[in-house]
Amino acid sequence: MDVTVSLSTPQAVSWPLPVDDDLAPADRVSALHQGPLHTPGVLQAFAPARDDDSRKTLRRMAEIGFLPGESVRVVSRGWLRGGPIAVRVGQSTFALRAHEAALLQVRWAVKV
């Protein structure tokens, strides 16, 4: 299966995303690092890359499987604020830094 992802022009996403408490639970979108533990979600979009480092990070994330439409779940968090986050994408588990997870927008199955 061939997958091509162009990260030179990421999808337009207002940043930060507005929070509306009247949204239905299935419509709640937030950055991956803000997601609840053990709650299924679907990766919706990449946040706009602000610099070359962000672009490189997004490219690496896409290469390891973080693509729009993939199922994701936060399975563990480090005890330090901003520490590593264990994230399951598809059948694989990855440790992400909080600033990496902040680049991924997820639609959660429940209110966040």
C-alpha atoms as a PDB file:
ATOM      1  CA  MET A   1       0.000   0.000   0.000  1.00  0.00           C
ATOM      2  CA  ASP A   2       1.421   3.379  -1.055  1.00  0.00           C
ATOM      3  CA  VAL A   3       0.705   6.376   1.146  1.00  0.00           C
ATOM      4  CA  THR A   4       1.859   9.866   0.262  1.00  0.00           C
ATOM      5  CA  VAL A   5       1.706  12.639   2.823  1.00  0.00           C
ATOM      6  CA  SER A   6       2.624  16.197   1.925  1.00  0.00           C
ATOM      7  CA  LEU A   7       3.670  18.147   4.984  1.00  0.00           C
ATOM      8  CA  SER A   8       4.875  21.245   3.184  1.00  0.00           C
ATOM      9  CA  THR A   9       1.308  22.607   3.287  1.00  0.00           C
ATOM     10  CA  PRO A  10      -0.417  21.114   6.357  1.00  0.00           C
ATOM     11  CA  GLN A  11      -4.175  21.144   6.705  1.00  0.00           C
ATOM     12  CA  ALA A  12      -5.517  24.439   7.963  1.00  0.00           C
ATOM     13  CA  VAL A  13      -6.427  24.164  11.633  1.00  0.00           C
ATOM     14  CA  SER A  14      -7.147  27.162  13.833  1.00  0.00           C
ATOM     15  CA  TRP A  15      -4.691  27.096  16.724  1.00  0.00           C
ATOM     16  CA  PRO A  16      -5.520  26.738  19.528  1.00  0.00           C
ATOM     17  CA  LEU A  17      -8.766  24.970  18.758  1.00  0.00           C
ATOM     18  CA  PRO A  18     -11.852  26.608  20.241  1.00  0.00           C
ATOM     19  CA  VAL A  19     -13.461  24.775  23.139  1.00  0.00           C
ATOM     20  CA  ASP A  20     -17.257  24.611  23.053  1.00  0.00           C
ATOM     21  CA  ASP A  21     -18.939  22.787  25.945  1.00  0.00           C
ATOM     22  CA  ASP A  22     -22.126  22.391  23.896  1.00  0.00           C
ATOM     23  CA  LEU A  23     -20.452  20.024  21.430  1.00  0.00           C
ATOM     24  CA  ALA A  24     -21.628  16.428  21.433  1.00  0.00           C
ATOM     25  CA  PRO A  25     -19.062  14.058  22.988  1.00  0.00           C
ATOM     26  CA  ALA A  26     -18.211  12.539  19.596  1.00  0.00           C
ATOM     27  CA  ASP A  27     -17.456  16.007  18.224  1.00  0.00           C
ATOM     28  CA  ARG A  28     -14.818  16.991  20.804  1.00  0.00           C
ATOM     29  CA  VAL A  29     -11.419  17.700  19.248  1.00  0.00           C
ATOM     30  CA  SER A  30      -8.236  18.479  21.155  1.00  0.00           C
ATOM     31  CA  ALA A  31      -4.503  18.047  20.884  1.00  0.00           C
ATOM     32  CA  LEU A  32      -3.319  14.495  21.546  1.00  0.00           C
ATOM     33  CA  HIS A  33      -1.373  15.498  24.687  1.00  0.00           C
ATOM     34  CA  GLN A  34      -4.621  16.779  26.263  1.00  0.00           C
ATOM     35  CA  GLY A  35      -6.545  13.561  25.661  1.00  0.00           C
ATOM     36  CA  PRO A  36      -7.967  11.405  28.440  1.00  0.00           C
ATOM     37  CA  LEU A  37      -6.261   8.115  29.328  1.00  0.00           C
ATOM     38  CA  HIS A  38      -7.552   4.941  27.678  1.00  0.00           C
ATOM     39  CA  THR A  39     -10.150   6.763  25.561  1.00  0.00           C
ATOM     40  CA  PRO A  40     -10.343   5.931  21.852  1.00  0.00           C
ATOM     41  CA  GLY A  41      -9.953   8.735  19.359  1.00  0.00           C
ATOM     42  CA  VAL A  42      -9.332   9.303  15.669  1.00  0.00           C
ATOM     43  CA  LEU A  43      -6.477  11.470  14.419  1.00  0.00           C
ATOM     44  CA  GLN A  44      -8.103  14.358  12.530  1.00  0.00           C
ATOM     45  CA  ALA A  45      -5.327  16.695  11.402  1.00  0.00           C
ATOM     46  CA  PHE A  46      -1.834  18.023  11.945  1.00  0.00           C
ATOM     47  CA  ALA A  47      -1.419  21.394  13.610  1.00  0.00           C
ATOM     48  CA  PRO A  48       0.271  23.932  11.321  1.00  0.00           C
ATOM     49  CA  ALA A  49       4.050  23.565  11.357  1.00  0.00           C
ATOM     50  CA  ARG A  50       5.507  26.767  12.800  1.00  0.00           C
ATOM     51  CA  ASP A  51       9.143  26.090  11.870  1.00  0.00           C
ATOM     52  CA  ASP A  52      11.490  23.522  10.305  1.00  0.00           C
ATOM     53  CA  ASP A  53      11.675  21.495  13.522  1.00  0.00           C
ATOM     54  CA  SER A  54       7.878  21.155  13.624  1.00  0.00           C
ATOM     55  CA  ARG A  55       7.828  20.173   9.942  1.00  0.00           C
ATOM     56  CA  LYS A  56      10.468  17.495  10.551  1.00  0.00           C
ATOM     57  CA  THR A  57       8.569  16.212  13.578  1.00  0.00           C
ATOM     58  CA  LEU A  58       5.314  15.991  11.603  1.00  0.00           C
ATOM     59  CA  ARG A  59       7.074  14.152   8.779  1.00  0.00           C
ATOM     60  CA  ARG A  60       8.548  11.646  11.261  1.00  0.00           C
ATOM     61  CA  MET A  61       5.147  11.193  12.922  1.00  0.00           C
ATOM     62  CA  ALA A  62       3.556  10.458   9.540  1.00  0.00           C
ATOM     63  CA  GLU A  63       6.321   7.972   8.688  1.00  0.00           C
ATOM     64  CA  ILE A  64       5.675   5.928  11.851  1.00  0.00           C
ATOM     65  CA  GLY A  65       1.912   5.825  11.334  1.00  0.00           C
ATOM     66  CA  PHE A  66       0.353   8.977  12.786  1.00  0.00           C
ATOM     67  CA  LEU A  67      -1.920   9.755   9.837  1.00  0.00           C
ATOM     68  CA  PRO A  68      -5.388  11.333   9.681  1.00  0.00           C
ATOM     69  CA  GLY A  69      -8.021   8.626  10.123  1.00  0.00           C
ATOM     70  CA  GLU A  70      -5.868   6.376  12.340  1.00  0.00           C
ATOM     71  CA  SER A  71      -7.217   5.287  15.712  1.00  0.00           C
ATOM     72  CA  VAL A  72      -5.225   6.568  18.703  1.00  0.00           C
ATOM     73  CA  ARG A  73      -5.335   6.142  22.473  1.00  0.00           C
ATOM     74  CA  VAL A  74      -3.248   7.687  25.291  1.00  0.00           C
ATOM     75  CA  VAL A  75      -2.202   4.691  27.401  1.00  0.00           C
ATOM     76  CA  SER A  76       0.139   6.304  29.949  1.00  0.00           C
ATOM     77  CA  ARG A  77       1.667   9.629  30.994  1.00  0.00           C
ATOM     78  CA  GLY A  78       4.947  10.451  32.676  1.00  0.00           C
ATOM     79  CA  TRP A  79       4.612  11.878  36.159  1.00  0.00           C
ATOM     80  CA  LEU A  80       6.284  15.167  35.199  1.00  0.00           C
ATOM     81  CA  ARG A  81       4.095  17.774  33.539  1.00  0.00           C
ATOM     82  CA  GLY A  82       5.114  17.895  29.887  1.00  0.00           C
ATOM     83  CA  GLY A  83       6.844  14.519  30.230  1.00  0.00           C
ATOM     84  CA  PRO A  84       6.544  11.572  27.862  1.00  0.00           C
ATOM     85  CA  ILE A  85       3.185  10.165  26.801  1.00  0.00           C
ATOM     86  CA  ALA A  86       2.673   6.550  25.699  1.00  0.00           C
ATOM     87  CA  VAL A  87       0.319   6.539  22.711  1.00  0.00           C
ATOM     88  CA  ARG A  88      -1.167   3.593  20.856  1.00  0.00           C
ATOM     89  CA  VAL A  89      -1.737   4.161  17.138  1.00  0.00           C
ATOM     90  CA  GLY A  90      -3.170   1.219  15.261  1.00  0.00           C
ATOM     91  CA  GLN A  91      -1.405  -1.848  16.689  1.00  0.00           C
ATOM     92  CA  SER A  92       1.793  -0.028  17.783  1.00  0.00           C
ATOM     93  CA  THR A  93       2.692   1.921  20.925  1.00  0.00           C
ATOM     94  CA  PHE A  94       5.026   4.937  20.878  1.00  0.00           C
ATOM     95  CA  ALA A  95       6.459   7.288  23.501  1.00  0.00           C
ATOM     96  CA  LEU A  96       5.956  10.902  22.450  1.00  0.00           C
ATOM     97  CA  ARG A  97       7.123  14.121  24.015  1.00  0.00           C
ATOM     98  CA  ALA A  98       4.292  16.475  24.952  1.00  0.00           C
ATOM     99  CA  HIS A  99       5.340  19.019  22.302  1.00  0.00           C
ATOM    100  CA  GLU A 100       5.191  16.275  19.637  1.00  0.00           C
ATOM    101  CA  ALA A 101       1.741  15.125  20.757  1.00  0.00           C
ATOM    102  CA  ALA A 102       0.561  18.758  20.718  1.00  0.00           C
ATOM    103  CA  LEU A 103       1.014  18.772  16.922  1.00  0.00           C
ATOM    104  CA  LEU A 104      -1.706  16.123  16.448  1.00  0.00           C
ATOM    105  CA  GLN A 105      -5.430  16.968  16.618  1.00  0.00           C
ATOM    106  CA  VAL A 106      -7.705  14.107  17.738  1.00  0.00           C
ATOM    107  CA  ARG A 107     -11.490  13.647  17.782  1.00  0.00           C
ATOM    108  CA  TRP A 108     -12.237  11.813  21.056  1.00  0.00           C
ATOM    109  CA  ALA A 109     -15.070   9.357  21.675  1.00  0.00           C
ATOM    110  CA  VAL A 110     -16.061  11.185  24.896  1.00  0.00           C
ATOM    111  CA  LYS A 111     -15.850  14.739  26.207  1.00  0.00           C
ATOM    112  CA  VAL A 112     -12.341  15.855  27.091  1.00  0.00           C
END
